[in-house]
PDB file of all heavy atoms in Angstrom:
ATOM      1  N   GLN A   1       0.813  -1.207   0.000  1.00  0.00           N
ATOM      2  CA  GLN A   1       0.000   0.000   0.000  1.00  0.00           C
ATOM      3  C   GLN A   1       0.853   1.266   0.000  1.00  0.00           C
ATOM      4  O   GLN A   1       0.420   2.307  -0.441  1.00  0.00           O
ATOM      5  CB  GLN A   1      -0.908   0.014   1.221  1.00  0.00           C
ATOM      6  CG  GLN A   1      -1.936  -1.085   1.205  1.00  0.00           C
ATOM      7  CD  GLN A   1      -2.764  -1.111   2.472  1.00  0.00           C
ATOM      8  OE1 GLN A   1      -2.487  -0.381   3.418  1.00  0.00           O
ATOM      9  NE2 GLN A   1      -3.776  -1.944   2.501  1.00  0.00           N
ATOM     10  N   LEU A   2       2.091   1.184   0.477  1.00  0.00           N
ATOM     11  CA  LEU A   2       2.926   2.369   0.600  1.00  0.00           C
ATOM     12  C   LEU A   2       3.717   2.668  -0.663  1.00  0.00           C
ATOM     13  O   LEU A   2       3.960   3.818  -0.982  1.00  0.00           O
ATOM     14  CB  LEU A   2       3.900   2.197   1.768  1.00  0.00           C
ATOM     15  CG  LEU A   2       3.254   2.041   3.138  1.00  0.00           C
ATOM     16  CD1 LEU A   2       4.316   1.775   4.188  1.00  0.00           C
ATOM     17  CD2 LEU A   2       2.468   3.276   3.492  1.00  0.00           C
ATOM     18  N   ILE A   3       4.153   1.647  -1.384  1.00  0.00           N
ATOM     19  CA  ILE A   3       5.021   1.837  -2.540  1.00  0.00           C
ATOM     20  C   ILE A   3       4.314   1.336  -3.786  1.00  0.00           C
ATOM     21  O   ILE A   3       3.989   0.153  -3.889  1.00  0.00           O
ATOM     22  CB  ILE A   3       6.360   1.093  -2.352  1.00  0.00           C
ATOM     23  CG1 ILE A   3       7.066   1.609  -1.100  1.00  0.00           C
ATOM     24  CG2 ILE A   3       7.232   1.250  -3.568  1.00  0.00           C
ATOM     25  CD1 ILE A   3       8.301   0.847  -0.740  1.00  0.00           C
ATOM     26  N   PRO A   4       4.066   2.218  -4.779  1.00  0.00           N
ATOM     27  CA  PRO A   4       3.399   1.764  -6.006  1.00  0.00           C
ATOM     28  C   PRO A   4       4.371   0.998  -6.908  1.00  0.00           C
ATOM     29  O   PRO A   4       5.350   1.540  -7.394  1.00  0.00           O
ATOM     30  CB  PRO A   4       2.956   3.070  -6.667  1.00  0.00           C
ATOM     31  CG  PRO A   4       3.900   4.088  -6.147  1.00  0.00           C
ATOM     32  CD  PRO A   4       4.284   3.656  -4.767  1.00  0.00           C
ATOM     33  N   VAL A   5       4.106  -0.288  -7.108  1.00  0.00           N
ATOM     34  CA  VAL A   5       4.961  -1.142  -7.926  1.00  0.00           C
ATOM     35  C   VAL A   5       4.233  -1.460  -9.228  1.00  0.00           C
ATOM     36  O   VAL A   5       3.070  -1.865  -9.219  1.00  0.00           O
ATOM     37  CB  VAL A   5       5.318  -2.441  -7.176  1.00  0.00           C
ATOM     38  CG1 VAL A   5       6.164  -3.348  -8.045  1.00  0.00           C
ATOM     39  CG2 VAL A   5       6.050  -2.124  -5.886  1.00  0.00           C
ATOM     40  N   ASP A   6       4.927  -1.256 -10.350  1.00  0.00           N
ATOM     41  CA  ASP A   6       4.374  -1.570 -11.659  1.00  0.00           C
ATOM     42  C   ASP A   6       4.337  -3.089 -11.820  1.00  0.00           C
ATOM     43  O   ASP A   6       5.366  -3.745 -11.709  1.00  0.00           O
ATOM     44  CB  ASP A   6       5.238  -0.944 -12.749  1.00  0.00           C
ATOM     45  CG  ASP A   6       4.640  -1.070 -14.127  1.00  0.00           C
ATOM     46  OD1 ASP A   6       3.435  -1.372 -14.229  1.00  0.00           O
ATOM     47  OD2 ASP A   6       5.376  -0.864 -15.107  1.00  0.00           O
ATOM     48  N   PRO A   7       3.173  -3.689 -12.089  1.00  0.00           N
ATOM     49  CA  PRO A   7       3.099  -5.155 -12.188  1.00  0.00           C
ATOM     50  C   PRO A   7       3.843  -5.730 -13.393  1.00  0.00           C
ATOM     51  O   PRO A   7       4.266  -6.884 -13.367  1.00  0.00           O
ATOM     52  CB  PRO A   7       1.600  -5.446 -12.286  1.00  0.00           C
ATOM     53  CG  PRO A   7       0.981  -4.180 -12.728  1.00  0.00           C
ATOM     54  CD  PRO A   7       1.865  -3.071 -12.252  1.00  0.00           C
ATOM     55  N   GLU A   8       4.040  -4.938 -14.442  1.00  0.00           N
ATOM     56  CA  GLU A   8       4.730  -5.454 -15.629  1.00  0.00           C
ATOM     57  C   GLU A   8       6.239  -5.520 -15.435  1.00  0.00           C
ATOM     58  O   GLU A   8       6.884  -6.471 -15.844  1.00  0.00           O
ATOM     59  CB  GLU A   8       4.404  -4.580 -16.844  1.00  0.00           C
ATOM     60  CG  GLU A   8       2.942  -4.609 -17.233  1.00  0.00           C
ATOM     61  CD  GLU A   8       2.630  -3.644 -18.351  1.00  0.00           C
ATOM     62  OE1 GLU A   8       3.566  -2.992 -18.862  1.00  0.00           O
ATOM     63  OE2 GLU A   8       1.452  -3.527 -18.714  1.00  0.00           O
ATOM     64  N   THR A   9       6.813  -4.486 -14.809  1.00  0.00           N
ATOM     65  CA  THR A   9       8.273  -4.427 -14.671  1.00  0.00           C
ATOM     66  C   THR A   9       8.770  -4.769 -13.271  1.00  0.00           C
ATOM     67  O   THR A   9       9.961  -4.922 -13.068  1.00  0.00           O
ATOM     68  CB  THR A   9       8.775  -3.019 -15.034  1.00  0.00           C
ATOM     69  OG1 THR A   9       8.188  -2.077 -14.137  1.00  0.00           O
ATOM     70  CG2 THR A   9       8.439  -2.666 -16.470  1.00  0.00           C
ATOM     71  N   ASP A  10       7.870  -4.844 -12.297  1.00  0.00           N
ATOM     72  CA  ASP A  10       8.226  -5.061 -10.890  1.00  0.00           C
ATOM     73  C   ASP A  10       9.172  -3.985 -10.367  1.00  0.00           C
ATOM     74  O   ASP A  10      10.046  -4.242  -9.547  1.00  0.00           O
ATOM     75  CB  ASP A  10       8.841  -6.452 -10.669  1.00  0.00           C
ATOM     76  CG  ASP A  10       7.782  -7.537 -10.717  1.00  0.00           C
ATOM     77  OD1 ASP A  10       6.614  -7.228 -10.438  1.00  0.00           O
ATOM     78  OD2 ASP A  10       8.134  -8.688 -11.027  1.00  0.00           O
ATOM     79  N   LYS A  11       9.018  -2.771 -10.861  1.00  0.00           N
ATOM     80  CA  LYS A  11       9.797  -1.633 -10.392  1.00  0.00           C
ATOM     81  C   LYS A  11       8.853  -0.602  -9.802  1.00  0.00           C
ATOM     82  O   LYS A  11       7.669  -0.545 -10.139  1.00  0.00           O
ATOM     83  CB  LYS A  11      10.594  -1.007 -11.538  1.00  0.00           C
ATOM     84  CG  LYS A  11      11.671  -1.908 -12.087  1.00  0.00           C
ATOM     85  CD  LYS A  11      12.458  -1.200 -13.164  1.00  0.00           C
ATOM     86  CE  LYS A  11      13.560  -2.112 -13.681  1.00  0.00           C
ATOM     87  NZ  LYS A  11      14.357  -1.435 -14.727  1.00  0.00           N
ATOM     88  N   ILE A  12       9.381   0.223  -8.919  1.00  0.00           N
ATOM     89  CA  ILE A  12       8.590   1.292  -8.312  1.00  0.00           C
ATOM     90  C   ILE A  12       8.307   2.342  -9.377  1.00  0.00           C
ATOM     91  O   ILE A  12       9.198   2.749 -10.116  1.00  0.00           O
ATOM     92  CB  ILE A  12       9.348   1.915  -7.133  1.00  0.00           C
ATOM     93  CG1 ILE A  12       9.580   0.871  -6.045  1.00  0.00           C
ATOM     94  CG2 ILE A  12       8.575   3.101  -6.573  1.00  0.00           C
ATOM     95  CD1 ILE A  12      10.476   1.348  -4.933  1.00  0.00           C
ATOM     96  N   LYS A  13       7.039   2.774  -9.460  1.00  0.00           N
ATOM     97  CA  LYS A  13       6.664   3.717 -10.501  1.00  0.00           C
ATOM     98  C   LYS A  13       5.715   4.769  -9.922  1.00  0.00           C
ATOM     99  O   LYS A  13       4.653   4.449  -9.410  1.00  0.00           O
ATOM    100  CB  LYS A  13       5.978   2.978 -11.645  1.00  0.00           C
ATOM    101  CG  LYS A  13       5.584   3.856 -12.802  1.00  0.00           C
ATOM    102  CD  LYS A  13       4.973   3.035 -13.919  1.00  0.00           C
ATOM    103  CE  LYS A  13       4.628   3.878 -15.107  1.00  0.00           C
ATOM    104  NZ  LYS A  13       4.048   3.072 -16.186  1.00  0.00           N
ATOM    105  N   PHE A  14       6.138   6.032 -10.012  1.00  0.00           N
ATOM    106  CA  PHE A  14       5.296   7.157  -9.627  1.00  0.00           C
ATOM    107  C   PHE A  14       4.910   7.890 -10.898  1.00  0.00           C
ATOM    108  O   PHE A  14       5.756   8.254 -11.699  1.00  0.00           O
ATOM    109  CB  PHE A  14       6.060   8.116  -8.703  1.00  0.00           C
ATOM    110  CG  PHE A  14       6.369   7.535  -7.368  1.00  0.00           C
ATOM    111  CD1 PHE A  14       7.603   6.995  -7.105  1.00  0.00           C
ATOM    112  CD2 PHE A  14       5.415   7.510  -6.371  1.00  0.00           C
ATOM    113  CE1 PHE A  14       7.908   6.466  -5.872  1.00  0.00           C
ATOM    114  CE2 PHE A  14       5.690   6.981  -5.137  1.00  0.00           C
ATOM    115  CZ  PHE A  14       6.940   6.461  -4.886  1.00  0.00           C
ATOM    116  N   GLN A  15       3.616   8.104 -11.096  1.00  0.00           N
ATOM    117  CA  GLN A  15       3.160   8.756 -12.315  1.00  0.00           C
ATOM    118  C   GLN A  15       1.897   9.537 -12.023  1.00  0.00           C
ATOM    119  O   GLN A  15       0.994   9.052 -11.353  1.00  0.00           O
ATOM    120  CB  GLN A  15       2.872   7.707 -13.389  1.00  0.00           C
ATOM    121  CG  GLN A  15       2.429   8.285 -14.692  1.00  0.00           C
ATOM    122  CD  GLN A  15       2.259   7.210 -15.755  1.00  0.00           C
ATOM    123  OE1 GLN A  15       2.743   6.102 -15.607  1.00  0.00           O
ATOM    124  NE2 GLN A  15       1.565   7.535 -16.798  1.00  0.00           N
ATOM    125  N   VAL A  16       1.851  10.761 -12.543  1.00  0.00           N
ATOM    126  CA  VAL A  16       0.687  11.618 -12.353  1.00  0.00           C
ATOM    127  C   VAL A  16       0.474  12.425 -13.618  1.00  0.00           C
ATOM    128  O   VAL A  16       1.421  12.871 -14.249  1.00  0.00           O
ATOM    129  CB  VAL A  16       0.916  12.568 -11.153  1.00  0.00           C
ATOM    130  CG1 VAL A  16       0.011  13.758 -11.200  1.00  0.00           C
ATOM    131  CG2 VAL A  16       0.721  11.847  -9.856  1.00  0.00           C
ATOM    132  N   VAL A  17      -0.778  12.604 -14.005  1.00  0.00           N
ATOM    133  CA  VAL A  17      -1.131  13.476 -15.128  1.00  0.00           C
ATOM    134  C   VAL A  17      -1.814  14.698 -14.540  1.00  0.00           C
ATOM    135  O   VAL A  17      -2.768  14.592 -13.789  1.00  0.00           O
ATOM    136  CB  VAL A  17      -2.075  12.750 -16.114  1.00  0.00           C
ATOM    137  CG1 VAL A  17      -2.512  13.696 -17.210  1.00  0.00           C
ATOM    138  CG2 VAL A  17      -1.396  11.521 -16.677  1.00  0.00           C
ATOM    139  N   VAL A  18      -1.289  15.876 -14.897  1.00  0.00           N
ATOM    140  CA  VAL A  18      -1.799  17.135 -14.356  1.00  0.00           C
ATOM    141  C   VAL A  18      -2.316  17.977 -15.504  1.00  0.00           C
ATOM    142  O   VAL A  18      -1.641  18.150 -16.517  1.00  0.00           O
ATOM    143  CB  VAL A  18      -0.675  17.897 -13.617  1.00  0.00           C
ATOM    144  CG1 VAL A  18      -1.188  19.215 -13.075  1.00  0.00           C
ATOM    145  CG2 VAL A  18      -0.100  17.061 -12.506  1.00  0.00           C
ATOM    146  N   ASP A  19      -3.528  18.509 -15.363  1.00  0.00           N
ATOM    147  CA  ASP A  19      -4.073  19.435 -16.351  1.00  0.00           C
ATOM    148  C   ASP A  19      -3.547  20.829 -16.043  1.00  0.00           C
ATOM    149  O   ASP A  19      -3.676  21.328 -14.920  1.00  0.00           O
ATOM    150  CB  ASP A  19      -5.600  19.438 -16.303  1.00  0.00           C
ATOM    151  CG  ASP A  19      -6.180  18.131 -16.813  1.00  0.00           C
ATOM    152  OD1 ASP A  19      -5.555  17.514 -17.690  1.00  0.00           O
ATOM    153  OD2 ASP A  19      -7.249  17.731 -16.330  1.00  0.00           O
ATOM    154  N   GLU A  20      -2.939  21.463 -17.039  1.00  0.00           N
ATOM    155  CA  GLU A  20      -2.337  22.785 -16.860  1.00  0.00           C
ATOM    156  C   GLU A  20      -2.786  23.681 -18.004  1.00  0.00           C
ATOM    157  O   GLU A  20      -2.882  23.251 -19.149  1.00  0.00           O
ATOM    158  CB  GLU A  20      -0.816  22.658 -16.844  1.00  0.00           C
ATOM    159  CG  GLU A  20      -0.086  23.923 -16.515  1.00  0.00           C
ATOM    160  CD  GLU A  20      -0.323  24.397 -15.098  1.00  0.00           C
ATOM    161  OE1 GLU A  20      -0.497  23.554 -14.209  1.00  0.00           O
ATOM    162  OE2 GLU A  20      -0.337  25.617 -14.889  1.00  0.00           O
ATOM    163  N   SER A  21      -3.040  24.943 -17.685  1.00  0.00           N
ATOM    164  CA  SER A  21      -3.452  25.878 -18.730  1.00  0.00           C
ATOM    165  C   SER A  21      -2.217  26.392 -19.459  1.00  0.00           C
ATOM    166  O   SER A  21      -1.130  26.477 -18.903  1.00  0.00           O
ATOM    167  CB  SER A  21      -4.222  27.044 -18.113  1.00  0.00           C
ATOM    168  OG  SER A  21      -3.380  27.740 -17.220  1.00  0.00           O
ATOM    169  N   GLY A  22      -2.378  26.730 -20.720  1.00  0.00           N
ATOM    170  CA  GLY A  22      -1.292  27.244 -21.543  1.00  0.00           C
ATOM    171  C   GLY A  22      -1.222  26.488 -22.856  1.00  0.00           C
ATOM    172  O   GLY A  22      -1.773  25.405 -23.008  1.00  0.00           O
ATOM    173  N   SER A  23      -0.507  27.062 -23.790  1.00  0.00           N
ATOM    174  CA  SER A  23      -0.376  26.398 -25.082  1.00  0.00           C
ATOM    175  C   SER A  23       0.676  25.300 -25.001  1.00  0.00           C
ATOM    176  O   SER A  23       1.511  25.263 -24.095  1.00  0.00           O
ATOM    177  CB  SER A  23       0.018  27.416 -26.164  1.00  0.00           C
ATOM    178  OG  SER A  23       1.336  27.867 -25.952  1.00  0.00           O
ATOM    179  N   LYS A  24       0.620  24.395 -25.952  1.00  0.00           N
ATOM    180  CA  LYS A  24       1.529  23.263 -25.979  1.00  0.00           C
ATOM    181  C   LYS A  24       2.981  23.719 -26.105  1.00  0.00           C
ATOM    182  O   LYS A  24       3.865  23.201 -25.413  1.00  0.00           O
ATOM    183  CB  LYS A  24       1.149  22.329 -27.130  1.00  0.00           C
ATOM    184  CG  LYS A  24       1.951  21.079 -27.183  1.00  0.00           C
ATOM    185  CD  LYS A  24       1.469  20.049 -28.194  1.00  0.00           C
ATOM    186  CE  LYS A  24       0.853  20.561 -29.432  1.00  0.00           C
ATOM    187  NZ  LYS A  24       0.535  19.516 -30.403  1.00  0.00           N
ATOM    188  N   SER A  25       3.240  24.696 -26.938  1.00  0.00           N
ATOM    189  CA  SER A  25       4.614  25.153 -27.144  1.00  0.00           C
ATOM    190  C   SER A  25       5.153  25.871 -25.904  1.00  0.00           C
ATOM    191  O   SER A  25       6.324  25.722 -25.555  1.00  0.00           O
ATOM    192  CB  SER A  25       4.712  26.054 -28.370  1.00  0.00           C
ATOM    193  OG  SER A  25       3.952  27.225 -28.179  1.00  0.00           O
ATOM    194  N   ASP A  26       4.296  26.656 -25.212  1.00  0.00           N
ATOM    195  CA  ASP A  26       4.737  27.325 -23.986  1.00  0.00           C
ATOM    196  C   ASP A  26       5.075  26.323 -22.893  1.00  0.00           C
ATOM    197  O   ASP A  26       6.089  26.457 -22.197  1.00  0.00           O
ATOM    198  CB  ASP A  26       3.666  28.288 -23.477  1.00  0.00           C
ATOM    199  CG  ASP A  26       3.512  29.519 -24.349  1.00  0.00           C
ATOM    200  OD1 ASP A  26       4.462  29.821 -25.101  1.00  0.00           O
ATOM    201  OD2 ASP A  26       2.447  30.162 -24.277  1.00  0.00           O
ATOM    202  N   LEU A  27       4.227  25.313 -22.726  1.00  0.00           N
ATOM    203  CA  LEU A  27       4.495  24.290 -21.709  1.00  0.00           C
ATOM    204  C   LEU A  27       5.741  23.483 -22.043  1.00  0.00           C
ATOM    205  O   LEU A  27       6.522  23.126 -21.157  1.00  0.00           O
ATOM    206  CB  LEU A  27       3.282  23.366 -21.560  1.00  0.00           C
ATOM    207  CG  LEU A  27       2.032  24.018 -20.987  1.00  0.00           C
ATOM    208  CD1 LEU A  27       0.869  23.043 -21.014  1.00  0.00           C
ATOM    209  CD2 LEU A  27       2.281  24.512 -19.580  1.00  0.00           C
ATOM    210  N   PHE A  28       5.961  23.217 -23.321  1.00  0.00           N
ATOM    211  CA  PHE A  28       7.161  22.494 -23.739  1.00  0.00           C
ATOM    212  C   PHE A  28       8.413  23.306 -23.401  1.00  0.00           C
ATOM    213  O   PHE A  28       9.386  22.777 -22.851  1.00  0.00           O
ATOM    214  CB  PHE A  28       7.096  22.194 -25.234  1.00  0.00           C
ATOM    215  CG  PHE A  28       8.245  21.381 -25.738  1.00  0.00           C
ATOM    216  CD1 PHE A  28       8.207  19.998 -25.666  1.00  0.00           C
ATOM    217  CD2 PHE A  28       9.366  21.987 -26.285  1.00  0.00           C
ATOM    218  CE1 PHE A  28       9.271  19.233 -26.119  1.00  0.00           C
ATOM    219  CE2 PHE A  28      10.431  21.243 -26.743  1.00  0.00           C
ATOM    220  CZ  PHE A  28      10.379  19.859 -26.660  1.00  0.00           C
ATOM    221  N   LYS A  29       8.385  24.605 -23.704  1.00  0.00           N
ATOM    222  CA  LYS A  29       9.532  25.462 -23.419  1.00  0.00           C
ATOM    223  C   LYS A  29       9.791  25.581 -21.922  1.00  0.00           C
ATOM    224  O   LYS A  29      10.940  25.572 -21.469  1.00  0.00           O
ATOM    225  CB  LYS A  29       9.314  26.843 -24.028  1.00  0.00           C
ATOM    226  CG  LYS A  29       9.395  26.854 -25.533  1.00  0.00           C
ATOM    227  CD  LYS A  29       9.075  28.217 -26.099  1.00  0.00           C
ATOM    228  CE  LYS A  29       9.022  28.165 -27.614  1.00  0.00           C
ATOM    229  NZ  LYS A  29       8.604  29.451 -28.189  1.00  0.00           N
ATOM    230  N   LYS A  30       8.731  25.675 -21.120  1.00  0.00           N
ATOM    231  CA  LYS A  30       8.892  25.742 -19.672  1.00  0.00           C
ATOM    232  C   LYS A  30       9.488  24.449 -19.116  1.00  0.00           C
ATOM    233  O   LYS A  30      10.327  24.474 -18.213  1.00  0.00           O
ATOM    234  CB  LYS A  30       7.553  26.019 -18.991  1.00  0.00           C
ATOM    235  CG  LYS A  30       7.074  27.434 -19.159  1.00  0.00           C
ATOM    236  CD  LYS A  30       5.741  27.641 -18.471  1.00  0.00           C
ATOM    237  CE  LYS A  30       5.227  29.041 -18.675  1.00  0.00           C
ATOM    238  NZ  LYS A  30       3.949  29.281 -18.004  1.00  0.00           N
ATOM    239  N   CYS A  31       9.067  23.332 -19.677  1.00  0.00           N
ATOM    240  CA  CYS A  31       9.587  22.044 -19.232  1.00  0.00           C
ATOM    241  C   CYS A  31      11.066  21.899 -19.577  1.00  0.00           C
ATOM    242  O   CYS A  31      11.869  21.451 -18.758  1.00  0.00           O
ATOM    243  CB  CYS A  31       8.785  20.916 -19.850  1.00  0.00           C
ATOM    244  SG  CYS A  31       9.300  19.282 -19.283  1.00  0.00           S
ATOM    245  N   VAL A  32      11.448  22.293 -20.775  1.00  0.00           N
ATOM    246  CA  VAL A  32      12.858  22.231 -21.184  1.00  0.00           C
ATOM    247  C   VAL A  32      13.690  23.186 -20.325  1.00  0.00           C
ATOM    248  O   VAL A  32      14.803  22.837 -19.899  1.00  0.00           O
ATOM    249  CB  VAL A  32      13.000  22.544 -22.687  1.00  0.00           C
ATOM    250  CG1 VAL A  32      14.452  22.735 -23.069  1.00  0.00           C
ATOM    251  CG2 VAL A  32      12.378  21.442 -23.511  1.00  0.00           C
TER     252      VAL A  32
END
């Protein structure tokens, strides 16, 4: 319950999808 383990790879995996406002190119540039 404490550590999320991916059943396919048996490795710890943290993943989240966040909705953010802005254009695709602006978000790409901010990420880079």
